[in-house]
Amino acid sequence: MMKSVGLLVFALLWTGSCLQAQSNQPNILLIFIDDGGNADFGFQGSDLMPTPALDKLAKSGVMFTQGYVSASVCGPSRAGLITGRYQQRFGYEENNVPGYMSENSKLLGDEMGLPVDEKTIGNYLKGLGYKTGYYGKWHLGDADKYHPTKRGFDEFYGFRGGDRSYFAYEQIPHDDKKMERGFGQFEEPEGYVTDVLADETIAFIENNKNEPWFAFLAFNAVHTPMEATEEDLAQFPQLSGLRKEVAAMTLALDRACGRVLDKLDELGLDKNTLVVFTNDNGGPTDKNGSVNLPLSGTKSNHLEGGIRVPYLISWPAQLKKKQTYNYPVSTLDLLPTFYAAAGGDMSDLPSVDGVDLMPYLQGKNEDRPHETLFWKKGPRAAVRQGDWKLIRYSDRPAELYYLPEDISEHNNLASQNLEKVQELFTLLYEWELTLEPPLWHLKRKFEKYDIDRMDRYR
């Protein structure tokens, strides 16, 4: 009898400890936007773009002055973030868009995507008991085998491709632009897509408020096509053209973020929800009117304007408010940061290139999270070691910048620092030896890799 009572007490204590551990797991909300300009948010210093919801989020936690992505274009950047690994390690070096082919000259079409043996944030967090949902732009493969519900996400509402209209299509131009609920249930949105994605995320949060959840909210705003509501356009009578469109779209984006964040407050989930806001690459200024100043460069190149992005983290239960963090961090860090916060063992992530940011943000580790960061697309590449940055081109000499004194990359110091150039070239070559060949490349026989505009928008 005593033995039975003892076993019962042990079982109750063990169950209680498990429930307590689970209750301490934070909810996780990742807000990931598309093609935003570095300077186009109030918390980034804009006096033209009103972003009160995101400004409030910035004040509630940590704002990073040197937040980086792992690629300057959409698909590879997303592949790096969702795996925590440099995407070149598994051949996801080029954007997965029409016009690419495999090494054996086979046109790939829908077959370009995140290799199925790569684990995602969704896979890792599901393994820790999280309910997972993905809302918005996927762009990690159109084929069924790459579908979010097969890559660690319990729920999906969004589209598989890289862009689509912000309003319902009367005639859908391509399958990857279809809005999809779950797997294979296609339905056009009733309303402006930015608003609808917020609605879907709010519903997911409400439905899972009593268990730990991870919501990946991947807005397609402010990527082309440039489409805003008449009501939002009317808020910017002083602007015209693309600049007016992107301002109106950013206003809608901020409003949608605010509604999701307000729902956390309403449900009492705000204190123990880890919220991240960031962007997939620098703004393509000529396409959507975005502004990256004082950074030079744009989406598709390795100047700071192509790879440095707005980056916020808030977790009231663990992080002090109104912090600014000045060392470089990467979107590669999100997976290990989320995994550790959720109670995961970091030894489970031996091949991940990112780091858990929490010890750095809580003052437990005063070192740099990364001494070295890399970028690569074809023969073009860049490496940052400490505060020095080398950019390698295919058609002209490399450039060297000392970023603390030259954030706009105006003063090329390569000819004055040949030893530093050689040192950084060596680092870059050694890193490239660890990578896999690209899984696809442009079908044109003679590709000029620097066709992407190198305008500096000084």
Protein backbone atom coordinates (compact mmCIF):
# COMPACT_ATOMS: atom_id res chain seq x y z
CA MET A 1 0.00 0.00 0.00
CA MET A 2 2.76 2.44 1.01
CA LYS A 3 4.62 1.60 -2.21
CA SER A 4 1.51 2.44 -4.27
CA VAL A 5 1.05 5.75 -2.44
CA GLY A 6 4.70 6.57 -3.00
CA LEU A 7 4.41 5.86 -6.71
CA LEU A 8 1.28 8.01 -6.91
CA VAL A 9 3.00 10.91 -5.16
CA PHE A 10 6.02 10.56 -7.44
CA ALA A 11 3.78 10.55 -10.52
CA LEU A 12 1.94 13.66 -9.34
CA LEU A 13 5.18 15.49 -8.60
CA TRP A 14 6.66 14.47 -11.97
CA THR A 15 3.51 15.58 -13.82
CA GLY A 16 3.50 18.86 -11.94
CA SER A 17 7.12 19.54 -12.77
CA CYS A 18 6.46 18.83 -16.47
CA LEU A 19 3.46 21.14 -16.49
CA GLN A 20 5.51 23.82 -14.75
CA ALA A 21 8.31 23.45 -17.31
CA GLN A 22 5.82 23.69 -20.14
CA SER A 23 4.12 26.74 -18.62
CA ASN A 24 7.49 28.52 -18.53
CA GLN A 25 8.06 28.03 -22.22
CA PRO A 26 7.57 31.37 -23.97
CA ASN A 27 5.26 31.82 -26.88
CA ILE A 28 7.23 32.95 -29.93
CA LEU A 29 6.09 35.41 -32.59
CA LEU A 30 8.35 36.11 -35.57
CA ILE A 31 7.21 39.03 -37.73
CA PHE A 32 9.17 38.91 -40.96
CA ILE A 33 8.57 41.56 -43.61
CA ASP A 34 9.65 41.79 -47.23
CA ASP A 35 11.88 44.36 -48.97
CA GLY A 36 11.56 47.04 -46.30
CA GLY A 37 13.92 50.00 -46.46
CA ASN A 38 16.35 50.34 -43.57
CA ALA A 39 15.27 53.95 -42.93
CA ASP A 40 11.51 53.53 -43.44
CA PHE A 41 10.38 53.07 -39.83
CA GLY A 42 9.93 55.49 -37.00
CA PHE A 43 12.22 53.54 -34.68
CA GLN A 44 14.89 53.74 -37.42
CA GLY A 45 14.63 57.52 -37.48
CA SER A 46 12.01 58.15 -40.16
CA ASP A 47 9.84 61.24 -39.64
CA LEU A 48 7.83 60.40 -42.75
CA MET A 49 6.74 56.83 -42.08
CA PRO A 50 4.48 56.65 -39.01
CA THR A 51 4.96 53.25 -37.37
CA PRO A 52 3.58 53.67 -33.83
CA ALA A 53 3.02 49.96 -33.18
CA LEU A 54 6.55 48.98 -34.19
CA ASP A 55 8.01 51.99 -32.37
CA LYS A 56 6.29 50.74 -29.21
CA LEU A 57 7.70 47.25 -29.79
CA ALA A 58 11.19 48.73 -30.20
CA LYS A 59 10.88 50.48 -26.81
CA SER A 60 9.68 47.30 -25.11
CA GLY A 61 12.90 45.38 -25.71
CA VAL A 62 16.11 45.47 -27.75
CA MET A 63 16.82 47.40 -30.94
CA PHE A 64 19.84 46.22 -32.93
CA THR A 65 21.89 48.77 -34.81
CA GLN A 66 23.71 46.09 -36.81
CA GLY A 67 21.20 43.41 -37.70
CA TYR A 68 22.15 41.36 -40.74
CA VAL A 69 20.53 38.81 -43.03
CA SER A 70 22.42 35.89 -44.59
CA ALA A 71 21.54 36.92 -48.16
CA SER A 72 20.51 40.06 -50.02
CA VAL A 73 17.58 38.39 -51.82
CA CYS A 74 14.38 36.74 -50.60
CA GLY A 75 14.68 32.97 -51.04
CA PRO A 76 18.23 32.38 -49.76
CA SER A 77 17.68 34.79 -46.87
CA ARG A 78 14.62 32.81 -45.78
CA ALA A 79 16.47 29.51 -46.16
CA GLY A 80 19.22 30.75 -43.85
CA LEU A 81 16.82 32.07 -41.23
CA ILE A 82 14.57 29.02 -41.11
CA THR A 83 17.48 26.56 -40.75
CA GLY A 84 19.92 28.68 -38.75
CA ARG A 85 22.58 27.68 -41.29
CA TYR A 86 24.36 29.50 -44.06
CA GLN A 87 22.16 28.48 -46.96
CA GLN A 88 25.20 27.93 -49.18
CA ARG A 89 26.00 24.90 -46.99
CA PHE A 90 23.15 23.08 -48.72
CA GLY A 91 23.31 24.76 -52.14
CA TYR A 92 20.54 27.35 -51.70
CA GLU A 93 22.71 30.16 -53.01
CA GLU A 94 20.59 31.69 -55.76
CA ASN A 95 17.01 32.95 -55.59
CA ASN A 96 14.41 30.35 -56.54
CA VAL A 97 12.72 32.26 -59.33
CA PRO A 98 11.85 31.41 -62.96
CA GLY A 99 14.78 31.16 -65.36
CA TYR A 100 17.08 28.87 -63.38
CA MET A 101 18.38 25.41 -64.22
CA SER A 102 20.29 22.56 -62.60
CA GLU A 103 23.89 21.66 -63.32
CA ASN A 104 22.79 19.15 -65.97
CA SER A 105 20.95 21.94 -67.84
CA LYS A 106 17.50 20.79 -66.79
CA LEU A 107 15.01 23.61 -66.26
CA LEU A 108 13.81 23.28 -62.70
CA GLY A 109 10.52 25.15 -62.53
CA ASP A 110 8.80 24.33 -59.25
CA GLU A 111 11.54 21.92 -58.13
CA MET A 112 13.71 24.64 -56.58
CA GLY A 113 13.29 24.68 -52.83
CA LEU A 114 14.67 24.04 -49.36
CA PRO A 115 16.19 20.51 -49.40
CA VAL A 116 13.88 18.14 -47.60
CA ASP A 117 16.61 16.86 -45.28
CA GLU A 118 17.12 20.32 -43.76
CA LYS A 119 15.36 20.83 -40.40
CA THR A 120 13.47 24.08 -39.87
CA ILE A 121 12.56 26.24 -36.89
CA GLY A 122 9.14 24.62 -37.11
CA ASN A 123 10.60 21.11 -36.83
CA TYR A 124 12.72 22.00 -33.82
CA LEU A 125 9.95 23.76 -31.90
CA LYS A 126 7.38 21.07 -32.64
CA GLY A 127 9.82 18.66 -31.05
CA LEU A 128 9.63 20.75 -27.87
CA GLY A 129 5.84 20.60 -27.74
CA TYR A 130 4.98 23.80 -29.60
CA LYS A 131 1.97 24.35 -31.81
CA THR A 132 3.35 25.93 -35.00
CA GLY A 133 1.72 28.15 -37.61
CA TYR A 134 3.01 29.88 -40.76
CA TYR A 135 1.18 32.83 -42.29
CA GLY A 136 2.12 34.64 -45.49
CA LYS A 137 4.89 34.36 -48.05
CA TRP A 138 6.72 31.01 -48.13
CA HIS A 139 9.15 31.22 -51.09
CA LEU A 140 11.06 28.09 -50.06
CA GLY A 141 9.75 25.88 -52.84
CA ASP A 142 6.52 25.55 -54.82
CA ALA A 143 6.46 21.75 -55.10
CA ASP A 144 4.28 19.82 -52.64
CA LYS A 145 7.31 18.22 -50.97
CA TYR A 146 8.47 21.67 -49.82
CA HIS A 147 5.09 22.70 -48.40
CA PRO A 148 5.13 24.38 -44.93
CA THR A 149 2.90 21.64 -43.47
CA LYS A 150 5.62 19.16 -44.43
CA ARG A 151 8.39 21.33 -42.97
CA GLY A 152 7.38 21.55 -39.34
CA PHE A 153 4.27 23.74 -39.38
CA ASP A 154 0.90 22.51 -38.14
CA GLU A 155 -1.01 25.29 -39.87
CA PHE A 156 -0.48 27.36 -43.01
CA TYR A 157 -2.30 30.21 -44.66
CA GLY A 158 -0.43 32.04 -47.37
CA PHE A 159 1.12 31.52 -50.79
CA ARG A 160 4.01 29.38 -51.92
CA GLY A 161 5.78 31.81 -54.25
CA GLY A 162 7.69 35.07 -53.96
CA ASP A 163 4.97 37.67 -54.55
CA ARG A 164 1.31 38.18 -55.29
CA SER A 165 -1.38 40.85 -55.38
CA TYR A 166 -2.57 42.39 -52.11
CA PHE A 167 -6.14 42.00 -53.36
CA ALA A 168 -8.06 38.96 -54.56
CA TYR A 169 -7.26 37.86 -58.09
CA GLU A 170 -10.06 37.49 -60.58
CA GLN A 171 -7.76 35.31 -62.65
CA ILE A 172 -4.68 33.93 -60.89
CA PRO A 173 -1.60 34.29 -63.12
CA HIS A 174 0.41 31.40 -61.64
CA ASP A 175 -0.21 28.64 -59.10
CA ASP A 176 2.44 29.93 -56.70
CA LYS A 177 0.41 33.12 -56.24
CA LYS A 178 -2.69 31.30 -54.98
CA MET A 179 -3.66 31.85 -51.37
CA GLU A 180 -3.80 28.47 -49.69
CA ARG A 181 -5.22 27.25 -46.40
CA GLY A 182 -3.54 24.16 -45.07
CA PHE A 183 -2.49 21.88 -47.89
CA GLY A 184 -4.22 22.24 -51.24
CA GLN A 185 -7.26 24.27 -50.17
CA PHE A 186 -7.04 27.38 -52.32
CA GLU A 187 -9.16 30.43 -51.58
CA GLU A 188 -8.64 34.07 -52.49
CA PRO A 189 -8.64 36.52 -49.57
CA GLU A 190 -11.60 38.64 -48.59
CA GLY A 191 -9.79 41.89 -47.95
CA TYR A 192 -6.33 43.41 -48.15
CA VAL A 193 -3.73 40.64 -47.76
CA THR A 194 -1.71 42.46 -45.07
CA ASP A 195 -4.86 42.67 -42.93
CA VAL A 196 -5.89 39.09 -43.67
CA LEU A 197 -2.52 37.67 -42.59
CA ALA A 198 -2.84 39.52 -39.29
CA ASP A 199 -6.38 38.11 -38.87
CA GLU A 200 -5.14 34.56 -39.43
CA THR A 201 -2.27 34.97 -36.98
CA ILE A 202 -4.61 36.40 -34.35
CA ALA A 203 -6.95 33.42 -34.78
CA PHE A 204 -4.01 31.03 -34.33
CA ILE A 205 -2.95 32.79 -31.13
CA GLU A 206 -6.48 32.74 -29.73
CA ASN A 207 -6.95 29.06 -30.56
CA ASN A 208 -3.68 28.06 -28.87
CA LYS A 209 -3.54 30.49 -25.95
CA ASN A 210 -3.34 27.68 -23.39
CA GLU A 211 -0.29 25.95 -24.87
CA PRO A 212 3.09 27.14 -26.14
CA TRP A 213 2.93 28.30 -29.74
CA PHE A 214 5.20 29.60 -32.47
CA ALA A 215 3.72 31.91 -35.12
CA PHE A 216 5.80 32.81 -38.18
CA LEU A 217 4.07 35.87 -39.68
CA ALA A 218 5.73 36.44 -43.06
CA PHE A 219 4.17 39.55 -44.57
CA ASN A 220 4.74 40.11 -48.29
CA ALA A 221 4.59 43.85 -47.60
CA VAL A 222 6.30 45.96 -48.83
CA HIS A 223 7.36 43.84 -51.82
CA THR A 224 5.96 44.61 -55.26
CA PRO A 225 3.32 44.86 -56.66
CA MET A 226 2.86 48.31 -55.15
CA GLU A 227 -0.76 48.18 -54.02
CA ALA A 228 -2.34 50.08 -51.15
CA THR A 229 -5.88 50.93 -50.13
CA GLU A 230 -7.30 54.32 -51.08
CA GLU A 231 -7.76 55.13 -47.40
CA ASP A 232 -4.07 54.61 -46.64
CA LEU A 233 -2.92 56.45 -49.75
CA ALA A 234 -4.98 59.44 -48.66
CA GLN A 235 -2.83 59.74 -45.52
CA PHE A 236 0.15 60.90 -47.61
CA PRO A 237 -1.01 63.82 -49.80
CA GLN A 238 2.51 65.28 -49.74
CA LEU A 239 3.97 62.24 -51.53
CA SER A 240 3.64 60.81 -55.02
CA GLY A 241 4.64 57.77 -57.05
CA LEU A 242 6.39 54.80 -55.44
CA ARG A 243 7.18 56.77 -52.32
CA LYS A 244 3.49 57.35 -51.67
CA GLU A 245 2.68 53.69 -52.32
CA VAL A 246 5.35 52.36 -49.96
CA ALA A 247 4.33 54.82 -47.24
CA ALA A 248 0.71 53.66 -47.45
CA MET A 249 1.73 50.01 -47.48
CA THR A 250 4.01 50.55 -44.47
CA LEU A 251 1.15 52.24 -42.61
CA ALA A 252 -1.02 49.16 -43.23
CA LEU A 253 1.84 46.89 -42.18
CA ASP A 254 2.34 48.72 -38.90
CA ARG A 255 -1.38 48.69 -38.19
CA ALA A 256 -1.52 44.93 -38.80
CA CYS A 257 1.47 44.33 -36.51
CA GLY A 258 -0.22 46.46 -33.87
CA ARG A 259 -3.39 44.36 -33.95
CA VAL A 260 -1.40 41.15 -33.42
CA LEU A 261 0.61 42.68 -30.59
CA ASP A 262 -2.55 44.08 -28.98
CA LYS A 263 -4.03 40.57 -28.99
CA LEU A 264 -1.10 39.38 -26.89
CA ASP A 265 -1.90 42.11 -24.35
CA GLU A 266 -5.60 41.29 -24.39
CA LEU A 267 -4.95 37.60 -23.69
CA GLY A 268 -2.33 38.31 -21.03
CA LEU A 269 0.38 36.67 -23.13
CA ASP A 270 2.56 39.73 -23.68
CA LYS A 271 4.98 39.21 -20.78
CA ASN A 272 6.03 35.70 -21.78
CA THR A 273 5.97 36.05 -25.54
CA LEU A 274 9.28 36.42 -27.35
CA VAL A 275 8.61 38.76 -30.29
CA VAL A 276 11.02 39.41 -33.16
CA PHE A 277 10.54 41.91 -35.98
CA THR A 278 12.93 41.94 -38.91
CA ASN A 279 13.23 42.03 -42.71
CA ASP A 280 14.46 39.61 -45.40
CA ASN A 281 16.89 41.97 -47.18
CA GLY A 282 17.52 45.61 -47.90
CA GLY A 283 15.01 47.70 -49.78
CA PRO A 284 15.01 47.65 -53.61
CA THR A 285 14.76 51.39 -53.86
CA ASP A 286 14.00 51.57 -57.56
CA LYS A 287 11.24 48.96 -57.33
CA ASN A 288 9.26 50.00 -54.27
CA GLY A 289 10.46 53.48 -53.36
CA SER A 290 12.12 52.29 -50.14
CA VAL A 291 15.05 54.16 -48.56
CA ASN A 292 18.14 52.56 -47.02
CA LEU A 293 20.11 55.73 -46.20
CA PRO A 294 22.62 56.32 -44.75
CA LEU A 295 23.51 52.86 -46.01
CA SER A 296 24.77 52.48 -49.56
CA GLY A 297 23.40 49.79 -51.82
CA THR A 298 20.11 47.97 -52.18
CA LYS A 299 18.55 44.54 -52.32
CA SER A 300 20.64 42.10 -54.41
CA ASN A 301 24.09 43.46 -53.51
CA HIS A 302 26.47 43.13 -50.58
CA LEU A 303 26.79 46.76 -49.61
CA GLU A 304 25.25 47.46 -46.20
CA GLY A 305 21.99 48.62 -47.79
CA GLY A 306 21.48 45.12 -49.19
CA ILE A 307 22.20 43.07 -46.08
CA ARG A 308 21.68 45.27 -42.97
CA VAL A 309 18.05 45.38 -41.84
CA PRO A 310 15.77 46.61 -39.03
CA TYR A 311 15.90 44.07 -36.19
CA LEU A 312 13.96 44.08 -32.89
CA ILE A 313 13.57 41.56 -30.06
CA SER A 314 11.15 41.92 -27.15
CA TRP A 315 10.58 39.47 -24.27
CA PRO A 316 9.37 41.39 -21.22
CA ALA A 317 9.80 38.42 -18.88
CA GLN A 318 13.50 38.15 -19.72
CA LEU A 319 14.78 41.32 -21.38
CA LYS A 320 14.98 44.88 -20.12
CA LYS A 321 13.15 47.48 -22.15
CA LYS A 322 14.65 50.36 -24.16
CA GLN A 323 17.92 48.58 -24.89
CA THR A 324 20.15 49.21 -27.89
CA TYR A 325 22.59 46.50 -28.94
CA ASN A 326 25.50 47.58 -31.11
CA TYR A 327 27.38 44.40 -32.02
CA PRO A 328 26.51 42.62 -35.30
CA VAL A 329 23.86 39.91 -35.14
CA SER A 330 22.28 37.78 -37.86
CA THR A 331 18.92 36.26 -38.71
CA LEU A 332 20.85 32.96 -38.49
CA ASP A 333 20.66 33.53 -34.73
CA LEU A 334 16.88 33.29 -34.51
CA LEU A 335 16.59 29.50 -34.64
CA PRO A 336 19.09 28.84 -31.82
CA THR A 337 17.70 31.75 -29.78
CA PHE A 338 14.16 30.39 -30.07
CA TYR A 339 15.26 26.82 -29.41
CA ALA A 340 17.18 27.70 -26.26
CA ALA A 341 14.37 29.94 -24.98
CA ALA A 342 11.93 27.06 -25.47
CA GLY A 343 14.06 24.80 -23.27
CA GLY A 344 15.99 23.02 -25.99
CA ASP A 345 19.51 21.67 -25.50
CA MET A 346 21.99 23.60 -27.68
CA SER A 347 23.97 20.40 -28.20
CA ASP A 348 21.08 19.35 -30.45
CA LEU A 349 22.21 22.02 -32.95
CA PRO A 350 25.79 21.03 -33.90
CA SER A 351 25.56 22.22 -37.51
CA VAL A 352 23.81 25.54 -36.88
CA ASP A 353 25.80 28.71 -37.70
CA GLY A 354 23.74 31.08 -35.56
CA VAL A 355 24.07 31.58 -31.80
CA ASP A 356 21.66 31.98 -28.90
CA LEU A 357 21.47 35.75 -28.42
CA MET A 358 19.97 35.76 -24.92
CA PRO A 359 23.23 35.54 -22.93
CA TYR A 360 24.52 38.55 -24.89
CA LEU A 361 21.34 40.57 -24.43
CA GLN A 362 21.13 39.77 -20.72
CA GLY A 363 24.73 40.84 -20.09
CA LYS A 364 25.98 37.35 -19.28
CA ASN A 365 28.33 37.36 -22.27
CA GLU A 366 30.01 40.62 -23.24
CA ASP A 367 31.79 39.25 -26.32
CA ARG A 368 30.57 39.72 -29.88
CA PRO A 369 28.03 37.08 -30.93
CA HIS A 370 29.93 36.84 -34.23
CA GLU A 371 33.52 37.77 -34.92
CA THR A 372 33.01 36.90 -38.61
CA LEU A 373 30.02 36.92 -40.97
CA PHE A 374 29.87 35.85 -44.64
CA TRP A 375 27.73 36.45 -47.70
CA LYS A 376 27.93 34.87 -51.16
CA LYS A 377 25.99 34.81 -54.42
CA GLY A 378 27.91 33.39 -57.37
CA PRO A 379 31.42 34.89 -57.56
CA ARG A 380 30.24 37.94 -55.63
CA ALA A 381 30.83 37.66 -51.90
CA ALA A 382 31.54 39.61 -48.74
CA VAL A 383 33.11 38.96 -45.36
CA ARG A 384 32.97 41.02 -42.20
CA GLN A 385 35.56 40.36 -39.49
CA GLY A 386 35.25 42.60 -36.49
CA ASP A 387 34.60 46.03 -37.98
CA TRP A 388 36.36 45.44 -41.30
CA LYS A 389 34.38 44.40 -44.37
CA LEU A 390 35.66 43.12 -47.71
CA ILE A 391 33.42 42.95 -50.78
CA ARG A 392 34.52 40.74 -53.69
CA TYR A 393 33.21 41.40 -57.19
CA SER A 394 33.43 39.44 -60.42
CA ASP A 395 34.35 42.33 -62.69
CA ARG A 396 36.44 44.78 -60.64
CA PRO A 397 38.86 44.91 -57.69
CA ALA A 398 37.67 44.13 -54.19
CA GLU A 399 36.66 46.92 -51.82
CA LEU A 400 37.56 47.27 -48.15
CA TYR A 401 35.69 49.36 -45.59
CA TYR A 402 36.07 50.18 -41.90
CA LEU A 403 32.43 50.40 -40.89
CA PRO A 404 32.57 52.35 -37.59
CA GLU A 405 33.95 55.34 -39.49
CA ASP A 406 32.23 54.72 -42.81
CA ILE A 407 28.74 53.27 -42.47
CA SER A 408 27.91 54.50 -46.00
CA GLU A 409 30.90 52.66 -47.51
CA HIS A 410 32.20 55.72 -49.34
CA ASN A 411 35.90 55.33 -48.53
CA ASN A 412 37.47 52.24 -50.11
CA LEU A 413 40.60 51.45 -48.08
CA ALA A 414 41.76 48.41 -50.05
CA SER A 415 44.83 50.02 -51.65
CA GLN A 416 45.99 51.31 -48.25
CA ASN A 417 45.54 48.00 -46.38
CA LEU A 418 46.77 45.20 -48.63
CA GLU A 419 47.53 42.90 -45.67
CA LYS A 420 43.98 43.25 -44.37
CA VAL A 421 42.62 42.55 -47.87
CA GLN A 422 44.70 39.38 -48.08
CA GLU A 423 43.64 38.31 -44.58
CA LEU A 424 39.94 38.70 -45.39
CA PHE A 425 40.29 37.02 -48.79
CA THR A 426 41.85 34.04 -47.01
CA LEU A 427 38.97 33.87 -44.53
CA LEU A 428 36.47 33.98 -47.37
CA TYR A 429 38.22 31.25 -49.37
CA GLU A 430 38.47 28.98 -46.34
CA TRP A 431 34.75 29.42 -45.67
CA GLU A 432 33.89 28.70 -49.31
CA LEU A 433 35.70 25.37 -49.08
CA THR A 434 33.03 24.24 -46.58
CA LEU A 435 30.10 24.95 -48.93
CA GLU A 436 28.11 22.88 -51.40
CA PRO A 437 27.82 23.88 -55.08
CA PRO A 438 24.65 25.85 -55.93
CA LEU A 439 21.68 23.60 -56.65
CA TRP A 440 20.58 25.85 -59.52
CA HIS A 441 21.90 28.73 -61.60
CA LEU A 442 20.75 31.10 -64.31
CA LYS A 443 20.08 29.39 -67.62
CA ARG A 444 21.85 32.06 -69.67
CA LYS A 445 25.25 30.76 -70.74
CA PHE A 446 27.15 33.93 -69.93
CA GLU A 447 25.78 35.37 -66.73
CA LYS A 448 26.89 38.84 -65.68
CA TYR A 449 26.60 38.59 -61.92
CA ASP A 450 26.76 42.31 -61.38
CA ILE A 451 23.62 43.10 -63.40
CA ASP A 452 21.95 44.01 -60.12
CA ARG A 453 22.17 47.74 -59.76
CA MET A 454 25.10 48.97 -57.69
CA ASP A 455 23.65 52.45 -57.31
CA ARG A 456 24.65 53.79 -53.93
CA TYR A 457 21.88 56.29 -53.31
CA ARG A 458 24.32 58.55 -51.48
